[in-house]
PDB file of all heavy atoms in Angstrom:
ATOM      1  N   SER A   1     -26.810 -42.269 -82.504  1.00  0.00           N
ATOM      2  CA  SER A   1     -27.304 -40.901 -82.423  1.00  0.00           C
ATOM      3  C   SER A   1     -26.142 -39.934 -82.467  1.00  0.00           C
ATOM      4  O   SER A   1     -25.283 -39.918 -81.588  1.00  0.00           O
ATOM      5  CB  SER A   1     -28.138 -40.721 -81.154  1.00  0.00           C
ATOM      6  OG  SER A   1     -28.519 -39.385 -80.985  1.00  0.00           O
ATOM      7  N   LYS A   2     -26.084 -39.133 -83.479  1.00  0.00           N
ATOM      8  CA  LYS A   2     -24.996 -38.132 -83.587  1.00  0.00           C
ATOM      9  C   LYS A   2     -25.119 -37.074 -82.491  1.00  0.00           C
ATOM     10  O   LYS A   2     -24.142 -36.581 -81.944  1.00  0.00           O
ATOM     11  CB  LYS A   2     -25.047 -37.449 -84.936  1.00  0.00           C
ATOM     12  CG  LYS A   2     -24.726 -38.401 -86.100  1.00  0.00           C
ATOM     13  CD  LYS A   2     -24.720 -37.655 -87.430  1.00  0.00           C
ATOM     14  CE  LYS A   2     -24.391 -38.602 -88.582  1.00  0.00           C
ATOM     15  NZ  LYS A   2     -24.375 -37.871 -89.864  1.00  0.00           N
ATOM     16  N   ARG A   3     -26.375 -36.761 -82.159  1.00  0.00           N
ATOM     17  CA  ARG A   3     -26.563 -35.749 -81.118  1.00  0.00           C
ATOM     18  C   ARG A   3     -26.062 -36.280 -79.747  1.00  0.00           C
ATOM     19  O   ARG A   3     -25.413 -35.576 -79.015  1.00  0.00           O
ATOM     20  CB  ARG A   3     -28.053 -35.411 -81.030  1.00  0.00           C
ATOM     21  CG  ARG A   3     -28.350 -34.323 -80.032  1.00  0.00           C
ATOM     22  CD  ARG A   3     -29.829 -33.963 -80.048  1.00  0.00           C
ATOM     23  NE  ARG A   3     -30.134 -32.918 -79.079  1.00  0.00           N
ATOM     24  CZ  ARG A   3     -31.359 -32.472 -78.872  1.00  0.00           C
ATOM     25  NH1 ARG A   3     -32.389 -32.962 -79.567  1.00  0.00           N
ATOM     26  NH2 ARG A   3     -31.550 -31.530 -77.960  1.00  0.00           N
ATOM     27  N   GLY A   4     -26.400 -37.563 -79.459  1.00  0.00           N
ATOM     28  CA  GLY A   4     -25.948 -38.139 -78.198  1.00  0.00           C
ATOM     29  C   GLY A   4     -24.431 -38.257 -78.165  1.00  0.00           C
ATOM     30  O   GLY A   4     -23.804 -38.082 -77.135  1.00  0.00           O
ATOM     31  N   LYS A   5     -23.810 -38.574 -79.315  1.00  0.00           N
ATOM     32  CA  LYS A   5     -22.363 -38.693 -79.357  1.00  0.00           C
ATOM     33  C   LYS A   5     -21.698 -37.369 -79.077  1.00  0.00           C
ATOM     34  O   LYS A   5     -20.691 -37.277 -78.362  1.00  0.00           O
ATOM     35  CB  LYS A   5     -21.927 -39.254 -80.698  1.00  0.00           C
ATOM     36  CG  LYS A   5     -20.426 -39.484 -80.836  1.00  0.00           C
ATOM     37  CD  LYS A   5     -20.119 -40.125 -82.181  1.00  0.00           C
ATOM     38  CE  LYS A   5     -18.618 -40.386 -82.284  1.00  0.00           C
ATOM     39  NZ  LYS A   5     -18.267 -40.993 -83.593  1.00  0.00           N
ATOM     40  N   SER A   6     -22.217 -36.276 -79.650  1.00  0.00           N
ATOM     41  CA  SER A   6     -21.621 -34.961 -79.426  1.00  0.00           C
ATOM     42  C   SER A   6     -21.777 -34.529 -77.970  1.00  0.00           C
ATOM     43  O   SER A   6     -20.878 -33.917 -77.383  1.00  0.00           O
ATOM     44  CB  SER A   6     -22.319 -33.934 -80.345  1.00  0.00           C
ATOM     45  OG  SER A   6     -23.706 -33.842 -80.041  1.00  0.00           O
ATOM     46  N   LYS A   7     -22.935 -34.855 -77.354  1.00  0.00           N
ATOM     47  CA  LYS A   7     -23.087 -34.539 -75.935  1.00  0.00           C
ATOM     48  C   LYS A   7     -22.122 -35.308 -75.067  1.00  0.00           C
ATOM     49  O   LYS A   7     -21.528 -34.780 -74.120  1.00  0.00           O
ATOM     50  CB  LYS A   7     -24.527 -34.860 -75.481  1.00  0.00           C
ATOM     51  CG  LYS A   7     -25.543 -33.822 -75.971  1.00  0.00           C
ATOM     52  CD  LYS A   7     -26.893 -34.121 -75.337  1.00  0.00           C
ATOM     53  CE  LYS A   7     -27.900 -33.041 -75.734  1.00  0.00           C
ATOM     54  NZ  LYS A   7     -29.247 -33.318 -75.149  1.00  0.00           N
ATOM     55  N   GLY A   8     -21.930 -36.598 -75.394  1.00  0.00           N
ATOM     56  CA  GLY A   8     -20.957 -37.415 -74.619  1.00  0.00           C
ATOM     57  C   GLY A   8     -19.562 -36.850 -74.724  1.00  0.00           C
ATOM     58  O   GLY A   8     -18.805 -36.800 -73.741  1.00  0.00           O
ATOM     59  N   THR A   9     -19.165 -36.408 -75.903  1.00  0.00           N
ATOM     60  CA  THR A   9     -17.827 -35.827 -76.087  1.00  0.00           C
ATOM     61  C   THR A   9     -17.656 -34.547 -75.281  1.00  0.00           C
ATOM     62  O   THR A   9     -16.663 -34.297 -74.642  1.00  0.00           O
ATOM     63  CB  THR A   9     -17.573 -35.552 -77.576  1.00  0.00           C
ATOM     64  OG1 THR A   9     -17.732 -36.759 -78.299  1.00  0.00           O
ATOM     65  CG2 THR A   9     -16.175 -35.013 -77.765  1.00  0.00           C
ATOM     66  N   MET A  10     -18.749 -33.718 -75.290  1.00  0.00           N
ATOM     67  CA  MET A  10     -18.679 -32.465 -74.548  1.00  0.00           C
ATOM     68  C   MET A  10     -18.557 -32.705 -73.041  1.00  0.00           C
ATOM     69  O   MET A  10     -17.752 -32.098 -72.352  1.00  0.00           O
ATOM     70  CB  MET A  10     -19.938 -31.645 -74.818  1.00  0.00           C
ATOM     71  CG  MET A  10     -19.999 -30.307 -74.083  1.00  0.00           C
ATOM     72  SD  MET A  10     -21.500 -29.388 -74.462  1.00  0.00           S
ATOM     73  CE  MET A  10     -22.720 -30.480 -73.733  1.00  0.00           C
ATOM     74  N   PHE A  11     -19.352 -33.690 -72.520  1.00  0.00           N
ATOM     75  CA  PHE A  11     -19.261 -33.981 -71.096  1.00  0.00           C
ATOM     76  C   PHE A  11     -17.869 -34.555 -70.720  1.00  0.00           C
ATOM     77  O   PHE A  11     -17.330 -34.269 -69.649  1.00  0.00           O
ATOM     78  CB  PHE A  11     -20.362 -34.997 -70.723  1.00  0.00           C
ATOM     79  CG  PHE A  11     -21.743 -34.397 -70.744  1.00  0.00           C
ATOM     80  CD1 PHE A  11     -22.823 -35.187 -71.055  1.00  0.00           C
ATOM     81  CD2 PHE A  11     -21.944 -33.064 -70.435  1.00  0.00           C
ATOM     82  CE1 PHE A  11     -24.089 -34.662 -71.095  1.00  0.00           C
ATOM     83  CE2 PHE A  11     -23.219 -32.533 -70.444  1.00  0.00           C
ATOM     84  CZ  PHE A  11     -24.305 -33.314 -70.794  1.00  0.00           C
ATOM     85  N   ALA A  12     -17.284 -35.339 -71.609  1.00  0.00           N
ATOM     86  CA  ALA A  12     -15.961 -35.891 -71.360  1.00  0.00           C
ATOM     87  C   ALA A  12     -14.935 -34.783 -71.267  1.00  0.00           C
ATOM     88  O   ALA A  12     -14.046 -34.790 -70.397  1.00  0.00           O
ATOM     89  CB  ALA A  12     -15.596 -36.922 -72.442  1.00  0.00           C
ATOM     90  N   LEU A  13     -14.997 -33.811 -72.180  1.00  0.00           N
ATOM     91  CA  LEU A  13     -14.073 -32.686 -72.160  1.00  0.00           C
ATOM     92  C   LEU A  13     -14.218 -31.875 -70.884  1.00  0.00           C
ATOM     93  O   LEU A  13     -13.247 -31.403 -70.270  1.00  0.00           O
ATOM     94  CB  LEU A  13     -14.276 -31.816 -73.399  1.00  0.00           C
ATOM     95  CG  LEU A  13     -13.872 -32.464 -74.732  1.00  0.00           C
ATOM     96  CD1 LEU A  13     -14.244 -31.513 -75.877  1.00  0.00           C
ATOM     97  CD2 LEU A  13     -12.388 -32.765 -74.775  1.00  0.00           C
ATOM     98  N   ILE A  14     -15.491 -31.646 -70.484  1.00  0.00           N
ATOM     99  CA  ILE A  14     -15.720 -30.891 -69.255  1.00  0.00           C
ATOM    100  C   ILE A  14     -15.149 -31.627 -68.038  1.00  0.00           C
ATOM    101  O   ILE A  14     -14.532 -31.046 -67.152  1.00  0.00           O
ATOM    102  CB  ILE A  14     -17.243 -30.654 -69.044  1.00  0.00           C
ATOM    103  CG1 ILE A  14     -17.788 -29.705 -70.159  1.00  0.00           C
ATOM    104  CG2 ILE A  14     -17.533 -30.067 -67.673  1.00  0.00           C
ATOM    105  CD1 ILE A  14     -19.272 -29.520 -70.119  1.00  0.00           C
ATOM    106  N   GLY A  15     -15.330 -32.966 -68.016  1.00  0.00           N
ATOM    107  CA  GLY A  15     -14.759 -33.745 -66.895  1.00  0.00           C
ATOM    108  C   GLY A  15     -13.245 -33.673 -66.825  1.00  0.00           C
ATOM    109  O   GLY A  15     -12.655 -33.506 -65.758  1.00  0.00           O
ATOM    110  N   VAL A  16     -12.590 -33.766 -68.000  1.00  0.00           N
ATOM    111  CA  VAL A  16     -11.114 -33.676 -68.035  1.00  0.00           C
ATOM    112  C   VAL A  16     -10.671 -32.312 -67.551  1.00  0.00           C
ATOM    113  O   VAL A  16      -9.709 -32.147 -66.789  1.00  0.00           O
ATOM    114  CB  VAL A  16     -10.611 -33.985 -69.467  1.00  0.00           C
ATOM    115  CG1 VAL A  16      -9.124 -33.672 -69.529  1.00  0.00           C
ATOM    116  CG2 VAL A  16     -10.876 -35.429 -69.811  1.00  0.00           C
ATOM    117  N   GLY A  17     -11.378 -31.259 -68.001  1.00  0.00           N
ATOM    118  CA  GLY A  17     -11.025 -29.894 -67.560  1.00  0.00           C
ATOM    119  C   GLY A  17     -11.157 -29.713 -66.056  1.00  0.00           C
ATOM    120  O   GLY A  17     -10.326 -29.078 -65.410  1.00  0.00           O
ATOM    121  N   ALA A  18     -12.226 -30.317 -65.483  1.00  0.00           N
ATOM    122  CA  ALA A  18     -12.427 -30.212 -64.030  1.00  0.00           C
ATOM    123  C   ALA A  18     -11.300 -30.885 -63.283  1.00  0.00           C
ATOM    124  O   ALA A  18     -10.789 -30.393 -62.284  1.00  0.00           O
ATOM    125  CB  ALA A  18     -13.767 -30.784 -63.650  1.00  0.00           C
ATOM    126  N   VAL A  19     -10.879 -32.067 -63.759  1.00  0.00           N
ATOM    127  CA  VAL A  19      -9.792 -32.811 -63.117  1.00  0.00           C
ATOM    128  C   VAL A  19      -8.512 -31.999 -63.148  1.00  0.00           C
ATOM    129  O   VAL A  19      -7.750 -31.907 -62.169  1.00  0.00           O
ATOM    130  CB  VAL A  19      -9.603 -34.174 -63.770  1.00  0.00           C
ATOM    131  CG1 VAL A  19      -8.345 -34.869 -63.231  1.00  0.00           C
ATOM    132  CG2 VAL A  19     -10.814 -35.058 -63.522  1.00  0.00           C
ATOM    133  N   VAL A  20      -8.235 -31.356 -64.316  1.00  0.00           N
ATOM    134  CA  VAL A  20      -7.010 -30.548 -64.430  1.00  0.00           C
ATOM    135  C   VAL A  20      -7.052 -29.354 -63.470  1.00  0.00           C
ATOM    136  O   VAL A  20      -6.059 -29.059 -62.807  1.00  0.00           O
ATOM    137  CB  VAL A  20      -6.862 -30.064 -65.891  1.00  0.00           C
ATOM    138  CG1 VAL A  20      -5.716 -29.058 -65.998  1.00  0.00           C
ATOM    139  CG2 VAL A  20      -6.600 -31.246 -66.821  1.00  0.00           C
ATOM    140  N   LEU A  21      -8.204 -28.706 -63.364  1.00  0.00           N
ATOM    141  CA  LEU A  21      -8.313 -27.563 -62.431  1.00  0.00           C
ATOM    142  C   LEU A  21      -8.114 -27.975 -60.980  1.00  0.00           C
ATOM    143  O   LEU A  21      -7.467 -27.270 -60.202  1.00  0.00           O
ATOM    144  CB  LEU A  21      -9.680 -26.904 -62.629  1.00  0.00           C
ATOM    145  CG  LEU A  21      -9.912 -26.144 -63.942  1.00  0.00           C
ATOM    146  CD1 LEU A  21     -11.318 -25.608 -64.036  1.00  0.00           C
ATOM    147  CD2 LEU A  21      -8.892 -24.990 -64.102  1.00  0.00           C
ATOM    148  N   VAL A  22      -8.709 -29.126 -60.605  1.00  0.00           N
ATOM    149  CA  VAL A  22      -8.520 -29.621 -59.254  1.00  0.00           C
ATOM    150  C   VAL A  22      -7.039 -29.927 -58.962  1.00  0.00           C
ATOM    151  O   VAL A  22      -6.514 -29.612 -57.911  1.00  0.00           O
ATOM    152  CB  VAL A  22      -9.396 -30.863 -58.996  1.00  0.00           C
ATOM    153  CG1 VAL A  22      -9.069 -31.507 -57.651  1.00  0.00           C
ATOM    154  CG2 VAL A  22     -10.869 -30.485 -59.029  1.00  0.00           C
ATOM    155  N   GLY A  23      -6.377 -30.552 -59.932  1.00  0.00           N
ATOM    156  CA  GLY A  23      -4.955 -30.855 -59.741  1.00  0.00           C
ATOM    157  C   GLY A  23      -4.132 -29.597 -59.561  1.00  0.00           C
ATOM    158  O   GLY A  23      -3.218 -29.524 -58.721  1.00  0.00           O
ATOM    159  N   ILE A  24      -4.408 -28.563 -60.364  1.00  0.00           N
ATOM    160  CA  ILE A  24      -3.673 -27.307 -60.234  1.00  0.00           C
ATOM    161  C   ILE A  24      -3.942 -26.676 -58.873  1.00  0.00           C
ATOM    162  O   ILE A  24      -3.015 -26.168 -58.224  1.00  0.00           O
ATOM    163  CB  ILE A  24      -4.083 -26.338 -61.371  1.00  0.00           C
ATOM    164  CG1 ILE A  24      -3.620 -26.880 -62.737  1.00  0.00           C
ATOM    165  CG2 ILE A  24      -3.517 -24.944 -61.133  1.00  0.00           C
ATOM    166  CD1 ILE A  24      -4.102 -26.050 -63.895  1.00  0.00           C
ATOM    167  N   ALA A  25      -5.206 -26.714 -58.411  1.00  0.00           N
ATOM    168  CA  ALA A  25      -5.511 -26.140 -57.094  1.00  0.00           C
ATOM    169  C   ALA A  25      -4.779 -26.864 -55.979  1.00  0.00           C
ATOM    170  O   ALA A  25      -4.287 -26.226 -55.033  1.00  0.00           O
ATOM    171  CB  ALA A  25      -7.042 -26.212 -56.849  1.00  0.00           C
ATOM    172  N   VAL A  26      -4.689 -28.185 -56.078  1.00  0.00           N
ATOM    173  CA  VAL A  26      -3.949 -28.954 -55.042  1.00  0.00           C
ATOM    174  C   VAL A  26      -2.480 -28.585 -55.020  1.00  0.00           C
ATOM    175  O   VAL A  26      -1.875 -28.396 -53.984  1.00  0.00           O
ATOM    176  CB  VAL A  26      -4.140 -30.495 -55.283  1.00  0.00           C
ATOM    177  CG1 VAL A  26      -3.222 -31.279 -54.375  1.00  0.00           C
ATOM    178  CG2 VAL A  26      -5.593 -30.865 -55.043  1.00  0.00           C
ATOM    179  N   LEU A  27      -1.856 -28.481 -56.223  1.00  0.00           N
ATOM    180  CA  LEU A  27      -0.443 -28.126 -56.288  1.00  0.00           C
ATOM    181  C   LEU A  27      -0.180 -26.760 -55.722  1.00  0.00           C
ATOM    182  O   LEU A  27       0.790 -26.521 -55.011  1.00  0.00           O
ATOM    183  CB  LEU A  27       0.012 -28.203 -57.751  1.00  0.00           C
ATOM    184  CG  LEU A  27       0.067 -29.602 -58.378  1.00  0.00           C
ATOM    185  CD1 LEU A  27       0.457 -29.507 -59.820  1.00  0.00           C
ATOM    186  CD2 LEU A  27       1.047 -30.513 -57.635  1.00  0.00           C
ATOM    187  N   VAL A  28      -1.076 -25.775 -56.029  1.00  0.00           N
ATOM    188  CA  VAL A  28      -0.916 -24.408 -55.510  1.00  0.00           C
ATOM    189  C   VAL A  28      -1.043 -24.403 -54.001  1.00  0.00           C
ATOM    190  O   VAL A  28      -0.277 -23.752 -53.280  1.00  0.00           O
ATOM    191  CB  VAL A  28      -1.928 -23.467 -56.168  1.00  0.00           C
ATOM    192  CG1 VAL A  28      -1.932 -22.112 -55.475  1.00  0.00           C
ATOM    193  CG2 VAL A  28      -1.651 -23.279 -57.638  1.00  0.00           C
ATOM    194  N   THR A  29      -2.024 -25.176 -53.453  1.00  0.00           N
ATOM    195  CA  THR A  29      -2.217 -25.223 -52.011  1.00  0.00           C
ATOM    196  C   THR A  29      -0.979 -25.790 -51.302  1.00  0.00           C
ATOM    197  O   THR A  29      -0.518 -25.270 -50.295  1.00  0.00           O
ATOM    198  CB  THR A  29      -3.463 -26.061 -51.666  1.00  0.00           C
ATOM    199  OG1 THR A  29      -4.599 -25.495 -52.318  1.00  0.00           O
ATOM    200  CG2 THR A  29      -3.689 -26.065 -50.158  1.00  0.00           C
ATOM    201  N   VAL A  30      -0.445 -26.905 -51.828  1.00  0.00           N
ATOM    202  CA  VAL A  30       0.738 -27.513 -51.221  1.00  0.00           C
ATOM    203  C   VAL A  30       1.918 -26.562 -51.274  1.00  0.00           C
ATOM    204  O   VAL A  30       2.681 -26.447 -50.292  1.00  0.00           O
ATOM    205  CB  VAL A  30       1.061 -28.832 -51.944  1.00  0.00           C
ATOM    206  CG1 VAL A  30       2.410 -29.393 -51.485  1.00  0.00           C
ATOM    207  CG2 VAL A  30      -0.033 -29.869 -51.740  1.00  0.00           C
ATOM    208  N   ALA A  31       2.096 -25.840 -52.369  1.00  0.00           N
ATOM    209  CA  ALA A  31       3.195 -24.894 -52.491  1.00  0.00           C
ATOM    210  C   ALA A  31       3.069 -23.745 -51.490  1.00  0.00           C
ATOM    211  O   ALA A  31       4.045 -23.349 -50.861  1.00  0.00           O
ATOM    212  CB  ALA A  31       3.260 -24.337 -53.892  1.00  0.00           C
ATOM    213  N   LEU A  32       1.835 -23.249 -51.279  1.00  0.00           N
ATOM    214  CA  LEU A  32       1.615 -22.184 -50.307  1.00  0.00           C
ATOM    215  C   LEU A  32       1.858 -22.667 -48.885  1.00  0.00           C
ATOM    216  O   LEU A  32       2.462 -21.960 -48.063  1.00  0.00           O
ATOM    217  CB  LEU A  32       0.184 -21.666 -50.439  1.00  0.00           C
ATOM    218  CG  LEU A  32      -0.155 -20.867 -51.694  1.00  0.00           C
ATOM    219  CD1 LEU A  32      -1.619 -20.486 -51.728  1.00  0.00           C
ATOM    220  CD2 LEU A  32       0.747 -19.628 -51.792  1.00  0.00           C
ATOM    221  N   VAL A  33       1.451 -23.901 -48.583  1.00  0.00           N
ATOM    222  CA  VAL A  33       1.675 -24.451 -47.218  1.00  0.00           C
ATOM    223  C   VAL A  33       3.166 -24.578 -46.961  1.00  0.00           C
ATOM    224  O   VAL A  33       3.679 -24.238 -45.906  1.00  0.00           O
ATOM    225  CB  VAL A  33       0.947 -25.803 -47.053  1.00  0.00           C
ATOM    226  CG1 VAL A  33       1.402 -26.481 -45.772  1.00  0.00           C
ATOM    227  CG2 VAL A  33      -0.548 -25.566 -47.046  1.00  0.00           C
ATOM    228  N   LYS A  34       3.924 -25.117 -47.931  1.00  0.00           N
ATOM    229  CA  LYS A  34       5.341 -25.304 -47.740  1.00  0.00           C
ATOM    230  C   LYS A  34       6.067 -23.969 -47.644  1.00  0.00           C
ATOM    231  O   LYS A  34       7.087 -23.858 -46.980  1.00  0.00           O
ATOM    232  CB  LYS A  34       5.928 -26.138 -48.883  1.00  0.00           C
ATOM    233  CG  LYS A  34       5.512 -27.608 -48.861  1.00  0.00           C
ATOM    234  CD  LYS A  34       6.229 -28.403 -49.902  1.00  0.00           C
ATOM    235  CE  LYS A  34       5.861 -29.893 -49.816  1.00  0.00           C
ATOM    236  NZ  LYS A  34       6.561 -30.681 -50.836  1.00  0.00           N
ATOM    237  N   LYS A  35       5.567 -22.950 -48.323  1.00  0.00           N
ATOM    238  CA  LYS A  35       6.224 -21.661 -48.315  1.00  0.00           C
ATOM    239  C   LYS A  35       5.907 -20.856 -47.090  1.00  0.00           C
ATOM    240  O   LYS A  35       6.769 -20.249 -46.466  1.00  0.00           O
ATOM    241  CB  LYS A  35       5.807 -20.868 -49.552  1.00  0.00           C
ATOM    242  CG  LYS A  35       6.480 -19.498 -49.645  1.00  0.00           C
ATOM    243  CD  LYS A  35       6.068 -18.788 -50.922  1.00  0.00           C
ATOM    244  CE  LYS A  35       6.734 -17.427 -51.009  1.00  0.00           C
ATOM    245  NZ  LYS A  35       6.326 -16.694 -52.228  1.00  0.00           N
ATOM    246  N   GLY A  36       4.644 -20.902 -46.625  1.00  0.00           N
ATOM    247  CA  GLY A  36       4.214 -20.009 -45.559  1.00  0.00           C
ATOM    248  C   GLY A  36       4.032 -20.672 -44.217  1.00  0.00           C
ATOM    249  O   GLY A  36       3.799 -20.010 -43.235  1.00  0.00           O
ATOM    250  N   GLY A  37       4.065 -22.006 -44.113  1.00  0.00           N
ATOM    251  CA  GLY A  37       3.886 -22.659 -42.817  1.00  0.00           C
ATOM    252  C   GLY A  37       2.441 -22.573 -42.404  1.00  0.00           C
ATOM    253  O   GLY A  37       1.519 -22.395 -43.195  1.00  0.00           O
TER     254      GLY A  37
END
C-alpha cells in the first residue's frame, strides 16, 4: 500500500523530530543548572 508506506514514513520523521527536541531540551536544562545552581 503506497498510502500506508507514506504514513509510516511521516510517523517515523515525526518520531525522530520529537527525539531531537527532547535531547535539545535536556541539554539546555543541564546547562542552566550548571550555570545558575
